Amino acid sequence: MKRRTFLYTGIAALGASGCSRSKFKRYRGPEVPQIVVNKGTRDMYLYHYNRVLQEYEVELGFTAEGHKQFEGDGKTPEGDYIIDRRNPNSSFHLSLGVSYPNEEDRAFAAAMGKEPGGDIFIHGQPNWASRRADMGPDWTAGCIAVENREMERVYAMVRNGTPIRINA
């Protein structure tokens, strides 16, 4: 997986805090008021209004096609959510929580007599993986994964309350 391009030239304000390599970066560039993930093309875009700031290649749930409906289905949700929490001590380097399930997701699962699942995040690679190549494509339980250095950028740029649209 690789970051495809810097699409906005004013983003050079991203830097490390302190002298040693830290996973916590500072960001002083344009705000990111929206994230868009396109599951079909495995792309995630960080937007500053109508301008793409960053584009990332992503990996998804192990059963990526279709909307997440139930706990354990391995699907990544589709729809409109928000970034609702941050985990600096994640088992996946760093992570940003996605507000799945919403009321509609809960109601659908309940009507089927099942749990909707939860704990959906944008995150880095697992801390315990010795070699990322062993995991293969679309290895998460329904989350959106990027490389660790990319996650450091995303974590610095995105604030709680940021809308995220996840398309099929």
C-alpha atoms as a PDB file:
ATOM      1  CA  MET A   1       0.000   0.000   0.000  1.00  0.00           C
ATOM      2  CA  LYS A   2       1.278   3.484  -0.760  1.00  0.00           C
ATOM      3  CA  ARG A   3       0.178   7.081  -0.600  1.00  0.00           C
ATOM      4  CA  ARG A   4      -0.568   7.946  -4.183  1.00  0.00           C
ATOM      5  CA  THR A   5      -0.061  11.685  -4.346  1.00  0.00           C
ATOM      6  CA  PHE A   6       0.029  14.988  -2.552  1.00  0.00           C
ATOM      7  CA  LEU A   7      -2.726  16.814  -4.384  1.00  0.00           C
ATOM      8  CA  TYR A   8      -2.522  20.075  -2.462  1.00  0.00           C
ATOM      9  CA  THR A   9       0.713  22.029  -2.347  1.00  0.00           C
ATOM     10  CA  GLY A  10       0.043  23.867   0.918  1.00  0.00           C
ATOM     11  CA  ILE A  11       0.314  20.724   3.028  1.00  0.00           C
ATOM     12  CA  ALA A  12       4.001  21.023   3.873  1.00  0.00           C
ATOM     13  CA  ALA A  13       3.032  22.123   7.372  1.00  0.00           C
ATOM     14  CA  LEU A  14       3.037  18.514   8.594  1.00  0.00           C
ATOM     15  CA  GLY A  15       6.030  17.766  10.800  1.00  0.00           C
ATOM     16  CA  ALA A  16       7.273  15.642  13.654  1.00  0.00           C
ATOM     17  CA  SER A  17       6.960  16.865  17.197  1.00  0.00           C
ATOM     18  CA  GLY A  18      10.301  16.692  18.987  1.00  0.00           C
ATOM     19  CA  CYS A  19      13.690  15.506  17.767  1.00  0.00           C
ATOM     20  CA  SER A  20      13.155  11.747  17.701  1.00  0.00           C
ATOM     21  CA  ARG A  21      10.805   9.840  15.416  1.00  0.00           C
ATOM     22  CA  SER A  22       7.342  10.058  16.916  1.00  0.00           C
ATOM     23  CA  LYS A  23       4.040   8.747  15.665  1.00  0.00           C
ATOM     24  CA  PHE A  24       2.457  12.031  16.749  1.00  0.00           C
ATOM     25  CA  LYS A  25       2.734  14.721  14.079  1.00  0.00           C
ATOM     26  CA  ARG A  26       1.701  18.373  14.082  1.00  0.00           C
ATOM     27  CA  TYR A  27      -0.417  19.714  11.287  1.00  0.00           C
ATOM     28  CA  ARG A  28      -0.894  23.406  10.560  1.00  0.00           C
ATOM     29  CA  GLY A  29      -2.405  23.176   7.097  1.00  0.00           C
ATOM     30  CA  PRO A  30      -5.942  23.627   5.817  1.00  0.00           C
ATOM     31  CA  GLU A  31      -8.708  21.987   7.821  1.00  0.00           C
ATOM     32  CA  VAL A  32     -10.158  18.657   6.688  1.00  0.00           C
ATOM     33  CA  PRO A  33     -13.947  19.074   6.806  1.00  0.00           C
ATOM     34  CA  GLN A  34     -14.687  15.801   4.963  1.00  0.00           C
ATOM     35  CA  ILE A  35     -13.311  12.330   4.306  1.00  0.00           C
ATOM     36  CA  VAL A  36     -14.542  10.209   1.403  1.00  0.00           C
ATOM     37  CA  VAL A  37     -13.788   6.490   1.055  1.00  0.00           C
ATOM     38  CA  ASN A  38     -14.568   4.663  -2.174  1.00  0.00           C
ATOM     39  CA  LYS A  39     -14.580   0.968  -1.377  1.00  0.00           C
ATOM     40  CA  GLY A  40     -14.669  -0.175  -5.012  1.00  0.00           C
ATOM     41  CA  THR A  41     -11.417   1.569  -5.895  1.00  0.00           C
ATOM     42  CA  ARG A  42      -9.891   1.222  -2.390  1.00  0.00           C
ATOM     43  CA  ASP A  43      -9.261   4.985  -2.134  1.00  0.00           C
ATOM     44  CA  MET A  44      -9.636   7.434   0.738  1.00  0.00           C
ATOM     45  CA  TYR A  45      -9.633  11.195   0.162  1.00  0.00           C
ATOM     46  CA  LEU A  46      -9.114  13.937   2.732  1.00  0.00           C
ATOM     47  CA  TYR A  47     -10.856  17.077   1.466  1.00  0.00           C
ATOM     48  CA  HIS A  48     -10.529  20.771   2.184  1.00  0.00           C
ATOM     49  CA  TYR A  49     -14.007  21.620   0.934  1.00  0.00           C
ATOM     50  CA  ASN A  50     -13.915  20.853  -2.832  1.00  0.00           C
ATOM     51  CA  ARG A  51     -10.126  20.332  -3.024  1.00  0.00           C
ATOM     52  CA  VAL A  52      -8.422  16.997  -2.329  1.00  0.00           C
ATOM     53  CA  LEU A  53      -5.588  17.417   0.187  1.00  0.00           C
ATOM     54  CA  GLN A  54      -4.499  13.788   0.331  1.00  0.00           C
ATOM     55  CA  GLU A  55      -5.353  10.510  -1.376  1.00  0.00           C
ATOM     56  CA  TYR A  56      -4.590   7.127   0.167  1.00  0.00           C
ATOM     57  CA  GLU A  57      -4.906   3.544  -0.946  1.00  0.00           C
ATOM     58  CA  VAL A  58      -6.844   1.597   1.705  1.00  0.00           C
ATOM     59  CA  GLU A  59      -7.543  -1.961   2.757  1.00  0.00           C
ATOM     60  CA  LEU A  60     -10.980  -2.929   4.001  1.00  0.00           C
ATOM     61  CA  GLY A  61     -12.898  -5.691   5.746  1.00  0.00           C
ATOM     62  CA  PHE A  62     -12.216  -9.271   4.679  1.00  0.00           C
ATOM     63  CA  THR A  63     -15.668  -9.378   3.012  1.00  0.00           C
ATOM     64  CA  ALA A  64     -15.456  -5.897   1.552  1.00  0.00           C
ATOM     65  CA  GLU A  65     -18.396  -5.953  -0.870  1.00  0.00           C
ATOM     66  CA  GLY A  66     -21.683  -4.674   0.532  1.00  0.00           C
ATOM     67  CA  HIS A  67     -22.699  -2.635   3.578  1.00  0.00           C
ATOM     68  CA  LYS A  68     -21.840  -3.858   7.060  1.00  0.00           C
ATOM     69  CA  GLN A  69     -25.001  -5.229   8.647  1.00  0.00           C
ATOM     70  CA  PHE A  70     -24.008  -7.577  11.455  1.00  0.00           C
ATOM     71  CA  GLU A  71     -21.256  -8.191  13.937  1.00  0.00           C
ATOM     72  CA  GLY A  72     -18.601 -10.464  12.443  1.00  0.00           C
ATOM     73  CA  ASP A  73     -19.669 -10.122   8.790  1.00  0.00           C
ATOM     74  CA  GLY A  74     -16.254  -8.685   7.828  1.00  0.00           C
ATOM     75  CA  LYS A  75     -17.802  -5.841   5.846  1.00  0.00           C
ATOM     76  CA  THR A  76     -16.857  -2.186   5.928  1.00  0.00           C
ATOM     77  CA  PRO A  77     -19.908   0.073   6.448  1.00  0.00           C
ATOM     78  CA  GLU A  78     -21.316   2.264   3.689  1.00  0.00           C
ATOM     79  CA  GLY A  79     -23.003   5.589   4.293  1.00  0.00           C
ATOM     80  CA  ASP A  80     -22.505   8.826   6.178  1.00  0.00           C
ATOM     81  CA  TYR A  81     -20.813   8.763   9.583  1.00  0.00           C
ATOM     82  CA  ILE A  82     -18.488  10.982  11.619  1.00  0.00           C
ATOM     83  CA  ILE A  83     -15.085  10.582  13.208  1.00  0.00           C
ATOM     84  CA  ASP A  84     -16.147  10.287  16.838  1.00  0.00           C
ATOM     85  CA  ARG A  85     -13.037   9.253  18.810  1.00  0.00           C
ATOM     86  CA  ARG A  86      -9.267   8.923  18.740  1.00  0.00           C
ATOM     87  CA  ASN A  87      -7.082   6.132  20.086  1.00  0.00           C
ATOM     88  CA  PRO A  88      -3.392   7.038  20.462  1.00  0.00           C
ATOM     89  CA  ASN A  89      -2.734   3.623  22.074  1.00  0.00           C
ATOM     90  CA  SER A  90      -4.447   1.520  19.418  1.00  0.00           C
ATOM     91  CA  SER A  91      -3.431  -2.067  18.706  1.00  0.00           C
ATOM     92  CA  PHE A  92      -3.217  -0.783  15.115  1.00  0.00           C
ATOM     93  CA  HIS A  93      -0.594   1.983  15.526  1.00  0.00           C
ATOM     94  CA  LEU A  94      -3.081   4.903  15.727  1.00  0.00           C
ATOM     95  CA  SER A  95      -6.801   4.925  15.053  1.00  0.00           C
ATOM     96  CA  LEU A  96      -9.765   7.226  14.451  1.00  0.00           C
ATOM     97  CA  GLY A  97     -13.217   5.907  15.339  1.00  0.00           C
ATOM     98  CA  VAL A  98     -16.077   5.904  12.834  1.00  0.00           C
ATOM     99  CA  SER A  99     -19.572   6.398  14.318  1.00  0.00           C
ATOM    100  CA  TYR A 100     -20.923   3.073  13.004  1.00  0.00           C
ATOM    101  CA  PRO A 101     -23.509   1.839  13.900  1.00  0.00           C
ATOM    102  CA  ASN A 102     -26.009   4.636  13.517  1.00  0.00           C
ATOM    103  CA  GLU A 103     -29.704   4.331  14.449  1.00  0.00           C
ATOM    104  CA  GLU A 104     -30.626   2.892  11.044  1.00  0.00           C
ATOM    105  CA  ASP A 105     -27.857   0.270  11.291  1.00  0.00           C
ATOM    106  CA  ARG A 106     -29.012  -0.710  14.812  1.00  0.00           C
ATOM    107  CA  ALA A 107     -32.662  -0.948  13.750  1.00  0.00           C
ATOM    108  CA  PHE A 108     -31.881  -3.162  10.761  1.00  0.00           C
ATOM    109  CA  ALA A 109     -29.758  -5.561  12.815  1.00  0.00           C
ATOM    110  CA  ALA A 110     -32.373  -5.693  15.576  1.00  0.00           C
ATOM    111  CA  ALA A 111     -35.118  -6.488  13.040  1.00  0.00           C
ATOM    112  CA  MET A 112     -32.996  -9.457  11.958  1.00  0.00           C
ATOM    113  CA  GLY A 113     -32.390 -10.520  15.558  1.00  0.00           C
ATOM    114  CA  LYS A 114     -28.673  -9.782  15.350  1.00  0.00           C
ATOM    115  CA  GLU A 115     -26.115  -7.312  16.681  1.00  0.00           C
ATOM    116  CA  PRO A 116     -24.846  -4.601  14.280  1.00  0.00           C
ATOM    117  CA  GLY A 117     -21.239  -4.809  15.450  1.00  0.00           C
ATOM    118  CA  GLY A 118     -19.118  -1.746  16.035  1.00  0.00           C
ATOM    119  CA  ASP A 119     -15.581  -0.577  16.733  1.00  0.00           C
ATOM    120  CA  ILE A 120     -15.039   0.539  13.146  1.00  0.00           C
ATOM    121  CA  PHE A 121     -11.894   2.631  12.730  1.00  0.00           C
ATOM    122  CA  ILE A 122      -9.521   4.170  10.250  1.00  0.00           C
ATOM    123  CA  HIS A 123      -6.248   2.726  11.487  1.00  0.00           C
ATOM    124  CA  GLY A 124      -2.678   1.741  10.733  1.00  0.00           C
ATOM    125  CA  GLN A 125      -1.130  -1.708  10.660  1.00  0.00           C
ATOM    126  CA  PRO A 126      -1.398  -4.113  13.606  1.00  0.00           C
ATOM    127  CA  ASN A 127       1.300  -3.746  16.240  1.00  0.00           C
ATOM    128  CA  TRP A 128       1.803  -7.513  16.393  1.00  0.00           C
ATOM    129  CA  ALA A 129       2.293  -8.180  12.650  1.00  0.00           C
ATOM    130  CA  SER A 130       5.849  -9.169  11.856  1.00  0.00           C
ATOM    131  CA  ARG A 131       5.342  -8.834   8.110  1.00  0.00           C
ATOM    132  CA  ARG A 132       2.420  -6.949   6.557  1.00  0.00           C
ATOM    133  CA  ALA A 133       2.621  -9.121   3.447  1.00  0.00           C
ATOM    134  CA  ASP A 134       1.305 -12.075   5.477  1.00  0.00           C
ATOM    135  CA  MET A 135      -2.077 -10.404   5.895  1.00  0.00           C
ATOM    136  CA  GLY A 136      -3.059 -10.114   2.242  1.00  0.00           C
ATOM    137  CA  PRO A 137      -5.551  -7.587   0.842  1.00  0.00           C
ATOM    138  CA  ASP A 138      -8.702  -6.609   2.720  1.00  0.00           C
ATOM    139  CA  TRP A 139      -7.710  -8.172   6.010  1.00  0.00           C
ATOM    140  CA  THR A 140      -9.537  -6.019   8.586  1.00  0.00           C
ATOM    141  CA  ALA A 141     -12.708  -6.992  10.463  1.00  0.00           C
ATOM    142  CA  GLY A 142     -14.537  -4.078   8.750  1.00  0.00           C
ATOM    143  CA  CYS A 143     -12.178  -1.162   9.337  1.00  0.00           C
ATOM    144  CA  ILE A 144     -10.294   1.059   6.885  1.00  0.00           C
ATOM    145  CA  ALA A 145      -6.519   0.500   7.053  1.00  0.00           C
ATOM    146  CA  VAL A 146      -3.572   2.510   5.741  1.00  0.00           C
ATOM    147  CA  GLU A 147       0.184   2.245   6.264  1.00  0.00           C
ATOM    148  CA  ASN A 148       1.478   3.490   9.629  1.00  0.00           C
ATOM    149  CA  ARG A 149       3.238   6.603   8.290  1.00  0.00           C
ATOM    150  CA  GLU A 150       0.086   7.478   6.385  1.00  0.00           C
ATOM    151  CA  MET A 151      -1.993   6.986   9.525  1.00  0.00           C
ATOM    152  CA  GLU A 152       0.276   9.397  11.366  1.00  0.00           C
ATOM    153  CA  ARG A 153      -0.603  12.062   8.783  1.00  0.00           C
ATOM    154  CA  VAL A 154      -4.315  11.246   8.849  1.00  0.00           C
ATOM    155  CA  TYR A 155      -4.362  11.277  12.669  1.00  0.00           C
ATOM    156  CA  ALA A 156      -2.727  14.727  12.696  1.00  0.00           C
ATOM    157  CA  MET A 157      -4.981  16.193  10.012  1.00  0.00           C
ATOM    158  CA  VAL A 158      -8.435  14.876  10.989  1.00  0.00           C
ATOM    159  CA  ARG A 159     -10.390  16.135  14.004  1.00  0.00           C
ATOM    160  CA  ASN A 160     -13.239  14.558  15.935  1.00  0.00           C
ATOM    161  CA  GLY A 161     -16.567  15.520  14.372  1.00  0.00           C
ATOM    162  CA  THR A 162     -15.243  15.270  10.787  1.00  0.00           C
ATOM    163  CA  PRO A 163     -17.875  13.740   8.475  1.00  0.00           C
ATOM    164  CA  ILE A 164     -16.872  10.586   6.604  1.00  0.00           C
ATOM    165  CA  ARG A 165     -18.777   9.252   3.607  1.00  0.00           C
ATOM    166  CA  ILE A 166     -18.089   5.626   2.741  1.00  0.00           C
ATOM    167  CA  ASN A 167     -19.233   4.737  -0.785  1.00  0.00           C
ATOM    168  CA  ALA A 168     -19.644   1.279  -2.317  1.00  0.00           C
END
